Amino acid sequence: MTPRIAQRADNAQEVAADPRVDAPESSHTASWPAAVIERRPLARLVPYARNARLHSDVQIAQIMASMREWGWTQPILVSETNTIIAGHGRVMAALRLGLDDAPVIVARGWSDAKIRTYVIADNRLAENASWDREMLGAELSELGDAFDLSLTGFTTGEIDAMTIKNLPDLGVEYDESAADHVKFIKCPECGHEFPR
């Protein structure tokens, strides 16, 4: 484990141990829908008609493979009228797998505006995260012989690119400081100069 990865792991443990980290500043605490998990028939769950998030067949197949391997690990968030707020992809995968019911949590007392906003936020906020490529590469390298890494959702090419340990010596030294003096980059096709 590199020193940087070890430091990140130590920091993560400190954050997890301190419940005040990233706590909301408001004295008003929203009710927690995940306090109770129920099981409901998939046939009763209604997709949100204005859900802007799209799920490709490839992604649904990935979710199906994940569910086959690990089971159902995340409940579906539904309104009091069984409209799906979060978990459309998991429901589609479950239906294709022939499952009959799903774990759900119910957002009780949420207004229509709150539900609609959360549908967007739930999808967008996950996109705002990034990967620590060194940490991810280390994890993938260590797991490579022990588990089917296609279940992670990364392609074989992406996994290979992150787990290459020994690059061949090309005999060329790259001086990164040389790029500091370049003000424009010229397109070899059209000749247009772009600012660096």
N, C-alpha and C. Protein backbone atom coordinates (compact mmCIF):
# COMPACT_ATOMS: atom_id res chain seq x y z
N MET A 1 0.86 -1.17 0.00
CA MET A 1 0.00 0.00 0.00
C MET A 1 0.90 1.23 0.00
N THR A 2 0.68 2.14 -0.94
CA THR A 2 1.51 3.34 -1.00
C THR A 2 1.17 4.26 0.17
N PRO A 3 2.09 5.18 0.53
CA PRO A 3 1.81 6.10 1.64
C PRO A 3 0.54 6.93 1.40
N ARG A 4 0.30 7.33 0.14
CA ARG A 4 -0.88 8.13 -0.16
C ARG A 4 -2.16 7.34 0.09
N ILE A 5 -2.18 6.07 -0.32
CA ILE A 5 -3.35 5.24 -0.11
C ILE A 5 -3.55 5.00 1.39
N ALA A 6 -2.48 4.75 2.12
CA ALA A 6 -2.58 4.53 3.56
C ALA A 6 -3.15 5.77 4.25
N GLN A 7 -2.69 6.96 3.85
CA GLN A 7 -3.19 8.21 4.45
C GLN A 7 -4.67 8.39 4.15
N ARG A 8 -5.09 8.10 2.91
CA ARG A 8 -6.51 8.23 2.57
C ARG A 8 -7.34 7.27 3.39
N ALA A 9 -6.87 6.06 3.61
CA ALA A 9 -7.60 5.08 4.41
C ALA A 9 -7.72 5.56 5.85
N ASP A 10 -6.62 6.13 6.41
CA ASP A 10 -6.67 6.66 7.77
C ASP A 10 -7.67 7.80 7.87
N ASN A 11 -7.67 8.70 6.86
CA ASN A 11 -8.60 9.83 6.86
C ASN A 11 -10.05 9.34 6.80
N ALA A 12 -10.31 8.32 5.99
CA ALA A 12 -11.67 7.80 5.86
C ALA A 12 -12.14 7.22 7.18
N GLN A 13 -11.26 6.55 7.91
CA GLN A 13 -11.64 6.01 9.21
C GLN A 13 -11.94 7.11 10.21
N GLU A 14 -11.15 8.21 10.17
CA GLU A 14 -11.41 9.33 11.07
C GLU A 14 -12.76 9.97 10.78
N VAL A 15 -13.07 10.17 9.51
CA VAL A 15 -14.35 10.78 9.12
C VAL A 15 -15.50 9.88 9.55
N ALA A 16 -15.36 8.58 9.33
CA ALA A 16 -16.43 7.65 9.69
C ALA A 16 -16.66 7.63 11.19
N ALA A 17 -15.61 7.86 11.96
CA ALA A 17 -15.72 7.82 13.41
C ALA A 17 -16.33 9.09 13.99
N ASP A 18 -16.34 10.19 13.22
CA ASP A 18 -16.86 11.46 13.72
C ASP A 18 -18.19 11.78 13.05
N PRO A 19 -19.33 11.58 13.74
CA PRO A 19 -20.63 11.80 13.11
C PRO A 19 -20.91 13.26 12.79
N ARG A 20 -20.10 14.18 13.32
CA ARG A 20 -20.33 15.60 13.05
C ARG A 20 -19.81 16.03 11.69
N VAL A 21 -18.88 15.25 11.12
CA VAL A 21 -18.32 15.62 9.82
C VAL A 21 -19.41 15.62 8.77
N ASP A 22 -19.51 16.69 8.05
CA ASP A 22 -20.49 16.88 6.98
C ASP A 22 -21.94 16.82 7.47
N ALA A 23 -22.15 17.03 8.76
CA ALA A 23 -23.52 17.05 9.27
C ALA A 23 -24.19 18.34 8.81
N PRO A 24 -25.49 18.32 8.55
CA PRO A 24 -26.16 19.53 8.12
C PRO A 24 -26.09 20.59 9.21
N GLU A 25 -25.97 21.85 8.77
CA GLU A 25 -25.88 22.94 9.72
C GLU A 25 -27.24 23.32 10.28
N SER A 26 -28.29 22.93 9.61
CA SER A 26 -29.64 23.27 10.03
C SER A 26 -30.01 22.48 11.29
N SER A 27 -30.77 23.13 12.18
CA SER A 27 -31.24 22.43 13.36
C SER A 27 -32.42 21.51 13.01
N HIS A 28 -33.03 21.74 11.83
CA HIS A 28 -34.14 20.90 11.37
C HIS A 28 -33.58 19.65 10.71
N THR A 29 -33.93 18.52 11.24
CA THR A 29 -33.47 17.26 10.67
C THR A 29 -34.64 16.59 9.97
N ALA A 30 -34.44 16.25 8.70
CA ALA A 30 -35.49 15.59 7.93
C ALA A 30 -35.69 14.18 8.46
N SER A 31 -36.91 13.68 8.30
CA SER A 31 -37.16 12.30 8.69
C SER A 31 -36.33 11.39 7.79
N TRP A 32 -36.01 10.24 8.28
CA TRP A 32 -35.12 9.33 7.57
C TRP A 32 -35.92 8.19 6.99
N PRO A 33 -36.17 8.20 5.67
CA PRO A 33 -36.98 7.14 5.07
C PRO A 33 -36.39 5.75 5.27
N ALA A 34 -35.09 5.64 5.40
CA ALA A 34 -34.46 4.32 5.50
C ALA A 34 -34.60 3.69 6.88
N ALA A 35 -35.34 4.35 7.77
CA ALA A 35 -35.51 3.79 9.11
C ALA A 35 -36.27 2.45 9.07
N VAL A 36 -37.13 2.28 8.06
CA VAL A 36 -37.91 1.04 7.94
C VAL A 36 -37.81 0.54 6.50
N ILE A 37 -37.38 -0.70 6.35
CA ILE A 37 -37.34 -1.31 5.02
C ILE A 37 -38.49 -2.30 4.94
N GLU A 38 -39.27 -2.18 3.88
CA GLU A 38 -40.42 -3.07 3.63
C GLU A 38 -40.15 -3.87 2.36
N ARG A 39 -40.96 -4.89 2.13
CA ARG A 39 -40.93 -5.61 0.86
C ARG A 39 -42.25 -5.36 0.17
N ARG A 40 -42.17 -5.01 -1.13
CA ARG A 40 -43.39 -4.78 -1.90
C ARG A 40 -43.28 -5.50 -3.24
N PRO A 41 -44.41 -5.95 -3.78
CA PRO A 41 -44.38 -6.58 -5.10
C PRO A 41 -43.91 -5.58 -6.16
N LEU A 42 -43.04 -6.04 -7.04
CA LEU A 42 -42.57 -5.19 -8.13
C LEU A 42 -43.73 -4.68 -8.98
N ALA A 43 -44.75 -5.49 -9.12
CA ALA A 43 -45.90 -5.11 -9.95
C ALA A 43 -46.63 -3.89 -9.40
N ARG A 44 -46.45 -3.59 -8.11
CA ARG A 44 -47.11 -2.43 -7.51
C ARG A 44 -46.30 -1.15 -7.66
N LEU A 45 -45.02 -1.27 -8.00
CA LEU A 45 -44.16 -0.10 -8.10
C LEU A 45 -44.35 0.59 -9.45
N VAL A 46 -44.52 1.90 -9.41
CA VAL A 46 -44.84 2.68 -10.61
C VAL A 46 -43.64 3.56 -10.98
N PRO A 47 -43.06 3.36 -12.18
CA PRO A 47 -41.96 4.24 -12.58
C PRO A 47 -42.41 5.70 -12.62
N TYR A 48 -41.54 6.59 -12.20
CA TYR A 48 -41.82 8.03 -12.26
C TYR A 48 -41.82 8.44 -13.73
N ALA A 49 -42.93 8.95 -14.22
CA ALA A 49 -43.10 9.22 -15.65
C ALA A 49 -42.13 10.27 -16.18
N ARG A 50 -41.66 11.17 -15.33
CA ARG A 50 -40.78 12.24 -15.80
C ARG A 50 -39.33 12.00 -15.41
N ASN A 51 -38.97 10.76 -15.15
CA ASN A 51 -37.59 10.44 -14.80
C ASN A 51 -36.70 10.71 -16.01
N ALA A 52 -35.75 11.61 -15.85
CA ALA A 52 -34.88 12.01 -16.96
C ALA A 52 -33.66 11.10 -17.10
N ARG A 53 -33.46 10.20 -16.16
CA ARG A 53 -32.31 9.31 -16.21
C ARG A 53 -32.62 8.13 -17.12
N LEU A 54 -31.72 7.84 -18.04
CA LEU A 54 -31.90 6.75 -18.99
C LEU A 54 -31.03 5.56 -18.60
N HIS A 55 -31.54 4.37 -18.81
CA HIS A 55 -30.80 3.15 -18.49
C HIS A 55 -30.71 2.30 -19.76
N SER A 56 -29.49 2.12 -20.24
CA SER A 56 -29.30 1.32 -21.46
C SER A 56 -29.45 -0.17 -21.13
N ASP A 57 -29.63 -0.96 -22.18
CA ASP A 57 -29.70 -2.41 -22.00
C ASP A 57 -28.40 -2.94 -21.40
N VAL A 58 -27.28 -2.35 -21.80
CA VAL A 58 -25.98 -2.77 -21.27
C VAL A 58 -25.93 -2.52 -19.76
N GLN A 59 -26.38 -1.34 -19.33
CA GLN A 59 -26.35 -1.04 -17.91
C GLN A 59 -27.31 -1.95 -17.13
N ILE A 60 -28.48 -2.19 -17.68
CA ILE A 60 -29.44 -3.09 -17.00
C ILE A 60 -28.82 -4.48 -16.86
N ALA A 61 -28.11 -4.94 -17.90
CA ALA A 61 -27.44 -6.24 -17.82
C ALA A 61 -26.37 -6.23 -16.73
N GLN A 62 -25.66 -5.11 -16.58
CA GLN A 62 -24.66 -5.00 -15.52
C GLN A 62 -25.32 -5.06 -14.14
N ILE A 63 -26.44 -4.37 -13.98
CA ILE A 63 -27.16 -4.39 -12.71
C ILE A 63 -27.67 -5.80 -12.42
N MET A 64 -28.16 -6.48 -13.46
CA MET A 64 -28.62 -7.86 -13.29
C MET A 64 -27.47 -8.76 -12.81
N ALA A 65 -26.30 -8.61 -13.41
CA ALA A 65 -25.15 -9.43 -13.01
C ALA A 65 -24.77 -9.12 -11.56
N SER A 66 -24.83 -7.86 -11.20
CA SER A 66 -24.53 -7.46 -9.83
C SER A 66 -25.53 -8.07 -8.85
N MET A 67 -26.81 -8.04 -9.21
CA MET A 67 -27.84 -8.60 -8.34
C MET A 67 -27.71 -10.12 -8.22
N ARG A 68 -27.31 -10.77 -9.30
CA ARG A 68 -27.10 -12.22 -9.24
C ARG A 68 -25.94 -12.56 -8.29
N GLU A 69 -24.91 -11.72 -8.32
CA GLU A 69 -23.72 -11.98 -7.49
C GLU A 69 -23.93 -11.63 -6.02
N TRP A 70 -24.49 -10.44 -5.76
CA TRP A 70 -24.56 -9.94 -4.39
C TRP A 70 -25.97 -9.87 -3.82
N GLY A 71 -26.97 -10.14 -4.63
CA GLY A 71 -28.34 -10.00 -4.16
C GLY A 71 -28.79 -8.55 -4.24
N TRP A 72 -29.87 -8.26 -3.54
CA TRP A 72 -30.43 -6.90 -3.58
C TRP A 72 -29.84 -6.13 -2.41
N THR A 73 -28.94 -5.19 -2.69
CA THR A 73 -28.20 -4.50 -1.63
C THR A 73 -28.71 -3.09 -1.35
N GLN A 74 -29.51 -2.53 -2.23
CA GLN A 74 -30.02 -1.17 -2.05
C GLN A 74 -31.53 -1.17 -2.22
N PRO A 75 -32.26 -0.74 -1.19
CA PRO A 75 -33.72 -0.68 -1.36
C PRO A 75 -34.12 0.38 -2.38
N ILE A 76 -35.32 0.24 -2.90
CA ILE A 76 -35.91 1.22 -3.81
C ILE A 76 -36.59 2.29 -2.95
N LEU A 77 -36.40 3.55 -3.29
CA LEU A 77 -37.08 4.63 -2.59
C LEU A 77 -38.37 4.93 -3.35
N VAL A 78 -39.50 4.83 -2.66
CA VAL A 78 -40.80 5.06 -3.30
C VAL A 78 -41.58 6.11 -2.52
N SER A 79 -42.55 6.71 -3.20
CA SER A 79 -43.48 7.63 -2.54
C SER A 79 -44.54 6.82 -1.81
N GLU A 80 -45.41 7.50 -1.12
CA GLU A 80 -46.49 6.81 -0.41
C GLU A 80 -47.49 6.17 -1.38
N THR A 81 -47.45 6.59 -2.65
CA THR A 81 -48.33 5.99 -3.66
C THR A 81 -47.60 4.98 -4.54
N ASN A 82 -46.41 4.52 -4.08
CA ASN A 82 -45.59 3.51 -4.77
C ASN A 82 -44.91 3.99 -6.04
N THR A 83 -44.83 5.30 -6.25
CA THR A 83 -44.07 5.81 -7.39
C THR A 83 -42.59 5.71 -7.06
N ILE A 84 -41.82 5.18 -8.00
CA ILE A 84 -40.37 5.02 -7.78
C ILE A 84 -39.72 6.40 -7.80
N ILE A 85 -38.98 6.70 -6.73
CA ILE A 85 -38.22 7.95 -6.64
C ILE A 85 -36.76 7.67 -7.00
N ALA A 86 -36.22 6.60 -6.48
CA ALA A 86 -34.84 6.22 -6.79
C ALA A 86 -34.78 4.70 -6.90
N GLY A 87 -34.18 4.21 -7.98
CA GLY A 87 -34.03 2.77 -8.16
C GLY A 87 -34.67 2.23 -9.41
N HIS A 88 -34.94 3.10 -10.39
CA HIS A 88 -35.56 2.63 -11.64
C HIS A 88 -34.75 1.52 -12.30
N GLY A 89 -33.44 1.68 -12.37
CA GLY A 89 -32.59 0.67 -13.01
C GLY A 89 -32.63 -0.66 -12.27
N ARG A 90 -32.63 -0.61 -10.94
CA ARG A 90 -32.70 -1.85 -10.16
C ARG A 90 -34.03 -2.55 -10.37
N VAL A 91 -35.11 -1.78 -10.48
CA VAL A 91 -36.43 -2.38 -10.72
C VAL A 91 -36.46 -3.03 -12.10
N MET A 92 -35.93 -2.36 -13.12
CA MET A 92 -35.90 -2.95 -14.46
C MET A 92 -35.09 -4.24 -14.46
N ALA A 93 -33.94 -4.23 -13.76
CA ALA A 93 -33.11 -5.44 -13.70
C ALA A 93 -33.85 -6.56 -12.98
N ALA A 94 -34.51 -6.23 -11.89
CA ALA A 94 -35.23 -7.25 -11.12
C ALA A 94 -36.36 -7.87 -11.94
N LEU A 95 -37.06 -7.05 -12.70
CA LEU A 95 -38.13 -7.57 -13.55
C LEU A 95 -37.57 -8.54 -14.60
N ARG A 96 -36.44 -8.17 -15.20
CA ARG A 96 -35.82 -9.05 -16.20
C ARG A 96 -35.30 -10.34 -15.58
N LEU A 97 -34.94 -10.28 -14.29
CA LEU A 97 -34.49 -11.48 -13.58
C LEU A 97 -35.65 -12.35 -13.12
N GLY A 98 -36.88 -11.84 -13.28
CA GLY A 98 -38.05 -12.59 -12.88
C GLY A 98 -38.35 -12.54 -11.38
N LEU A 99 -37.82 -11.55 -10.70
CA LEU A 99 -38.09 -11.42 -9.27
C LEU A 99 -39.51 -10.91 -9.06
N ASP A 100 -40.06 -11.22 -7.91
CA ASP A 100 -41.45 -10.83 -7.63
C ASP A 100 -41.58 -9.60 -6.75
N ASP A 101 -40.63 -9.41 -5.82
CA ASP A 101 -40.76 -8.27 -4.92
C ASP A 101 -39.42 -7.61 -4.70
N ALA A 102 -39.47 -6.45 -4.01
CA ALA A 102 -38.27 -5.65 -3.81
C ALA A 102 -38.28 -5.05 -2.41
N PRO A 103 -37.08 -4.83 -1.85
CA PRO A 103 -37.02 -4.07 -0.62
C PRO A 103 -37.26 -2.59 -0.96
N VAL A 104 -38.09 -1.93 -0.19
CA VAL A 104 -38.37 -0.51 -0.44
C VAL A 104 -38.29 0.27 0.86
N ILE A 105 -37.99 1.54 0.70
CA ILE A 105 -38.13 2.50 1.78
C ILE A 105 -39.10 3.56 1.26
N VAL A 106 -39.94 4.06 2.15
CA VAL A 106 -41.01 4.97 1.74
C VAL A 106 -40.71 6.38 2.22
N ALA A 107 -40.75 7.33 1.31
CA ALA A 107 -40.57 8.75 1.62
C ALA A 107 -41.92 9.29 2.08
N ARG A 108 -42.18 9.22 3.36
CA ARG A 108 -43.48 9.65 3.89
C ARG A 108 -43.51 11.15 4.11
N GLY A 109 -44.61 11.76 3.67
CA GLY A 109 -44.81 13.18 3.88
C GLY A 109 -44.06 14.09 2.93
N TRP A 110 -43.45 13.52 1.90
CA TRP A 110 -42.72 14.36 0.95
C TRP A 110 -43.70 15.01 -0.01
N SER A 111 -43.48 16.29 -0.28
CA SER A 111 -44.31 17.00 -1.26
C SER A 111 -43.94 16.55 -2.66
N ASP A 112 -44.79 16.86 -3.63
CA ASP A 112 -44.50 16.53 -5.03
C ASP A 112 -43.20 17.19 -5.47
N ALA A 113 -43.00 18.46 -5.08
CA ALA A 113 -41.78 19.17 -5.47
C ALA A 113 -40.54 18.52 -4.86
N LYS A 114 -40.65 18.08 -3.60
CA LYS A 114 -39.52 17.43 -2.94
C LYS A 114 -39.17 16.12 -3.64
N ILE A 115 -40.18 15.36 -4.00
CA ILE A 115 -39.96 14.09 -4.72
C ILE A 115 -39.30 14.36 -6.06
N ARG A 116 -39.84 15.28 -6.81
CA ARG A 116 -39.31 15.55 -8.16
C ARG A 116 -37.87 16.05 -8.09
N THR A 117 -37.57 16.88 -7.11
CA THR A 117 -36.21 17.40 -6.97
C THR A 117 -35.26 16.28 -6.56
N TYR A 118 -35.70 15.40 -5.68
CA TYR A 118 -34.83 14.31 -5.25
C TYR A 118 -34.54 13.33 -6.39
N VAL A 119 -35.49 13.09 -7.26
CA VAL A 119 -35.26 12.22 -8.42
C VAL A 119 -34.04 12.73 -9.20
N ILE A 120 -33.98 14.02 -9.37
CA ILE A 120 -32.84 14.62 -10.10
C ILE A 120 -31.58 14.55 -9.24
N ALA A 121 -31.68 14.99 -7.98
CA ALA A 121 -30.51 15.05 -7.10
C ALA A 121 -29.88 13.67 -6.91
N ASP A 122 -30.70 12.64 -6.73
CA ASP A 122 -30.17 11.30 -6.51
C ASP A 122 -29.29 10.85 -7.66
N ASN A 123 -29.69 11.18 -8.87
CA ASN A 123 -28.91 10.79 -10.04
C ASN A 123 -27.70 11.70 -10.25
N ARG A 124 -27.88 12.99 -10.07
CA ARG A 124 -26.81 13.94 -10.35
C ARG A 124 -25.70 13.91 -9.31
N LEU A 125 -26.05 13.81 -8.04
CA LEU A 125 -25.04 13.88 -7.00
C LEU A 125 -24.03 12.75 -7.12
N ALA A 126 -24.46 11.58 -7.56
CA ALA A 126 -23.52 10.48 -7.76
C ALA A 126 -22.51 10.79 -8.86
N GLU A 127 -22.94 11.57 -9.85
CA GLU A 127 -22.05 11.93 -10.95
C GLU A 127 -20.98 12.91 -10.52
N ASN A 128 -21.20 13.62 -9.42
CA ASN A 128 -20.25 14.63 -8.96
C ASN A 128 -19.05 14.04 -8.24
N ALA A 129 -19.06 12.76 -7.99
CA ALA A 129 -17.91 12.10 -7.35
C ALA A 129 -16.85 11.81 -8.41
N SER A 130 -15.64 11.58 -7.95
CA SER A 130 -14.57 11.20 -8.87
C SER A 130 -13.83 10.01 -8.26
N TRP A 131 -12.94 9.46 -9.04
CA TRP A 131 -12.18 8.29 -8.60
C TRP A 131 -10.78 8.70 -8.22
N ASP A 132 -10.26 8.11 -7.17
CA ASP A 132 -8.84 8.17 -6.87
C ASP A 132 -8.23 7.06 -7.70
N ARG A 133 -7.63 7.41 -8.82
CA ARG A 133 -7.17 6.41 -9.79
C ARG A 133 -6.10 5.48 -9.19
N GLU A 134 -5.25 6.03 -8.34
CA GLU A 134 -4.21 5.19 -7.73
C GLU A 134 -4.86 4.15 -6.81
N MET A 135 -5.80 4.60 -5.99
CA MET A 135 -6.48 3.69 -5.06
C MET A 135 -7.29 2.65 -5.83
N LEU A 136 -8.02 3.12 -6.86
CA LEU A 136 -8.83 2.20 -7.65
C LEU A 136 -7.95 1.18 -8.36
N GLY A 137 -6.86 1.64 -8.95
CA GLY A 137 -5.94 0.72 -9.63
C GLY A 137 -5.37 -0.32 -8.68
N ALA A 138 -5.05 0.11 -7.45
CA ALA A 138 -4.52 -0.83 -6.46
C ALA A 138 -5.58 -1.87 -6.09
N GLU A 139 -6.82 -1.42 -5.89
CA GLU A 139 -7.90 -2.35 -5.55
C GLU A 139 -8.14 -3.35 -6.68
N LEU A 140 -8.21 -2.84 -7.90
CA LEU A 140 -8.45 -3.72 -9.04
C LEU A 140 -7.31 -4.72 -9.22
N SER A 141 -6.08 -4.26 -9.03
CA SER A 141 -4.92 -5.15 -9.17
C SER A 141 -4.97 -6.28 -8.15
N GLU A 142 -5.31 -5.92 -6.91
CA GLU A 142 -5.34 -6.94 -5.86
C GLU A 142 -6.51 -7.91 -6.04
N LEU A 143 -7.61 -7.45 -6.60
CA LEU A 143 -8.79 -8.30 -6.76
C LEU A 143 -8.80 -9.09 -8.06
N GLY A 144 -7.92 -8.73 -8.99
CA GLY A 144 -7.94 -9.29 -10.33
C GLY A 144 -7.99 -10.80 -10.42
N ASP A 145 -7.23 -11.48 -9.59
CA ASP A 145 -7.20 -12.95 -9.64
C ASP A 145 -8.26 -13.58 -8.75
N ALA A 146 -8.86 -12.78 -7.88
CA ALA A 146 -9.79 -13.34 -6.89
C ALA A 146 -11.26 -13.19 -7.27
N PHE A 147 -11.55 -12.30 -8.22
CA PHE A 147 -12.96 -12.01 -8.49
C PHE A 147 -13.14 -11.57 -9.93
N ASP A 148 -14.34 -11.71 -10.45
CA ASP A 148 -14.68 -11.29 -11.81
C ASP A 148 -14.87 -9.77 -11.82
N LEU A 149 -13.86 -9.06 -12.30
CA LEU A 149 -13.89 -7.60 -12.26
C LEU A 149 -14.88 -6.97 -13.24
N SER A 150 -15.43 -7.76 -14.16
CA SER A 150 -16.45 -7.21 -15.05
C SER A 150 -17.68 -6.78 -14.25
N LEU A 151 -17.85 -7.35 -13.06
CA LEU A 151 -18.99 -6.99 -12.20
C LEU A 151 -18.88 -5.57 -11.65
N THR A 152 -17.71 -4.96 -11.78
CA THR A 152 -17.53 -3.58 -11.29
C THR A 152 -18.14 -2.55 -12.22
N GLY A 153 -18.45 -2.94 -13.45
CA GLY A 153 -18.98 -1.99 -14.41
C GLY A 153 -17.91 -1.39 -15.30
N PHE A 154 -16.64 -1.63 -14.99
CA PHE A 154 -15.56 -1.14 -15.84
C PHE A 154 -15.32 -2.13 -16.97
N THR A 155 -14.92 -1.62 -18.13
CA THR A 155 -14.61 -2.49 -19.25
C THR A 155 -13.24 -3.13 -19.03
N THR A 156 -12.96 -4.17 -19.79
CA THR A 156 -11.66 -4.83 -19.69
C THR A 156 -10.54 -3.85 -20.01
N GLY A 157 -10.74 -3.01 -21.02
CA GLY A 157 -9.73 -2.01 -21.38
C GLY A 157 -9.48 -1.01 -20.26
N GLU A 158 -10.55 -0.57 -19.59
CA GLU A 158 -10.38 0.37 -18.48
C GLU A 158 -9.63 -0.29 -17.32
N ILE A 159 -9.99 -1.53 -17.04
CA ILE A 159 -9.32 -2.26 -15.96
C ILE A 159 -7.84 -2.44 -16.30
N ASP A 160 -7.55 -2.86 -17.53
CA ASP A 160 -6.16 -3.04 -17.95
C ASP A 160 -5.37 -1.75 -17.83
N ALA A 161 -5.97 -0.63 -18.24
CA ALA A 161 -5.27 0.66 -18.18
C ALA A 161 -4.95 1.07 -16.75
N MET A 162 -5.81 0.69 -15.81
CA MET A 162 -5.58 1.09 -14.42
C MET A 162 -4.70 0.11 -13.64
N THR A 163 -4.49 -1.07 -14.19
CA THR A 163 -3.74 -2.08 -13.43
C THR A 163 -2.38 -2.42 -14.04
N ILE A 164 -1.99 -1.71 -15.10
CA ILE A 164 -0.66 -1.95 -15.68
C ILE A 164 0.39 -1.51 -14.66
N LYS A 165 1.27 -2.44 -14.33
CA LYS A 165 2.26 -2.14 -13.31
C LYS A 165 3.58 -1.70 -13.91
N ASN A 166 4.02 -2.36 -14.94
CA ASN A 166 5.34 -2.08 -15.49
C ASN A 166 5.21 -1.61 -16.93
N LEU A 167 5.38 -0.32 -17.13
CA LEU A 167 5.36 0.22 -18.48
C LEU A 167 6.75 0.02 -19.11
N PRO A 168 6.79 -0.26 -20.39
CA PRO A 168 8.09 -0.44 -21.02
C PRO A 168 8.84 0.89 -21.07
N ASP A 169 10.16 0.83 -20.92
CA ASP A 169 10.98 2.02 -21.00
C ASP A 169 11.15 2.38 -22.47
N LEU A 170 10.63 3.53 -22.85
CA LEU A 170 10.70 3.95 -24.24
C LEU A 170 11.98 4.72 -24.54
N GLY A 171 12.79 4.98 -23.50
CA GLY A 171 14.05 5.69 -23.70
C GLY A 171 13.85 7.18 -23.95
N VAL A 172 12.69 7.70 -23.64
CA VAL A 172 12.42 9.12 -23.86
C VAL A 172 12.09 9.76 -22.52
N GLU A 173 12.79 10.83 -22.22
CA GLU A 173 12.50 11.57 -21.00
C GLU A 173 11.51 12.68 -21.34
N TYR A 174 10.49 12.82 -20.54
CA TYR A 174 9.49 13.87 -20.77
C TYR A 174 9.71 14.96 -19.75
N ASP A 175 9.92 16.17 -20.23
CA ASP A 175 10.12 17.32 -19.36
C ASP A 175 8.81 18.10 -19.30
N GLU A 176 8.07 17.90 -18.22
CA GLU A 176 6.76 18.53 -18.09
C GLU A 176 6.85 20.05 -18.04
N SER A 177 7.95 20.59 -17.55
CA SER A 177 8.09 22.05 -17.46
C SER A 177 8.17 22.70 -18.84
N ALA A 178 8.52 21.93 -19.87
CA ALA A 178 8.58 22.49 -21.23
C ALA A 178 7.21 22.96 -21.69
N ALA A 179 6.15 22.33 -21.19
CA ALA A 179 4.80 22.72 -21.59
C ALA A 179 4.41 24.08 -21.02
N ASP A 180 5.09 24.54 -19.97
CA ASP A 180 4.77 25.84 -19.38
C ASP A 180 4.98 26.99 -20.35
N HIS A 181 5.87 26.81 -21.31
CA HIS A 181 6.19 27.87 -22.25
C HIS A 181 5.28 27.88 -23.47
N VAL A 182 4.47 26.86 -23.64
CA VAL A 182 3.58 26.78 -24.79
C VAL A 182 2.32 27.58 -24.49
N LYS A 183 2.05 28.59 -25.31
CA LYS A 183 0.87 29.44 -25.12
C LYS A 183 -0.30 28.97 -25.97
N PHE A 184 0.00 28.44 -27.16
CA PHE A 184 -1.05 27.97 -28.06
C PHE A 184 -0.67 26.59 -28.59
N ILE A 185 -1.68 25.81 -28.87
CA ILE A 185 -1.48 24.50 -29.48
C ILE A 185 -2.14 24.55 -30.85
N LYS A 186 -1.38 24.20 -31.90
CA LYS A 186 -1.87 24.28 -33.26
C LYS A 186 -2.42 22.94 -33.72
N CYS A 187 -3.65 22.96 -34.25
CA CYS A 187 -4.27 21.76 -34.77
C CYS A 187 -3.56 21.35 -36.05
N PRO A 188 -3.09 20.10 -36.13
CA PRO A 188 -2.38 19.67 -37.34
C PRO A 188 -3.30 19.54 -38.55
N GLU A 189 -4.60 19.42 -38.34
CA GLU A 189 -5.54 19.27 -39.45
C GLU A 189 -5.94 20.61 -40.07
N CYS A 190 -6.41 21.53 -39.22
CA CYS A 190 -6.96 22.78 -39.75
C CYS A 190 -6.04 23.98 -39.56
N GLY A 191 -5.03 23.82 -38.71
CA GLY A 191 -4.09 24.91 -38.48
C GLY A 191 -4.57 25.92 -37.45
N HIS A 192 -5.78 25.76 -36.90
CA HIS A 192 -6.28 26.69 -35.89
C HIS A 192 -5.45 26.57 -34.62
N GLU A 193 -5.17 27.72 -34.00
CA GLU A 193 -4.41 27.72 -32.75
C GLU A 193 -5.36 27.86 -31.57
N PHE A 194 -5.21 26.95 -30.63
CA PHE A 194 -6.06 26.95 -29.44
C PHE A 194 -5.21 27.38 -28.25
N PRO A 195 -5.79 28.20 -27.35
CA PRO A 195 -5.02 28.55 -26.14
C PRO A 195 -4.80 27.31 -25.30
N ARG A 196 -3.64 27.23 -24.69
CA ARG A 196 -3.28 26.08 -23.85
C ARG A 196 -4.10 26.05 -22.59
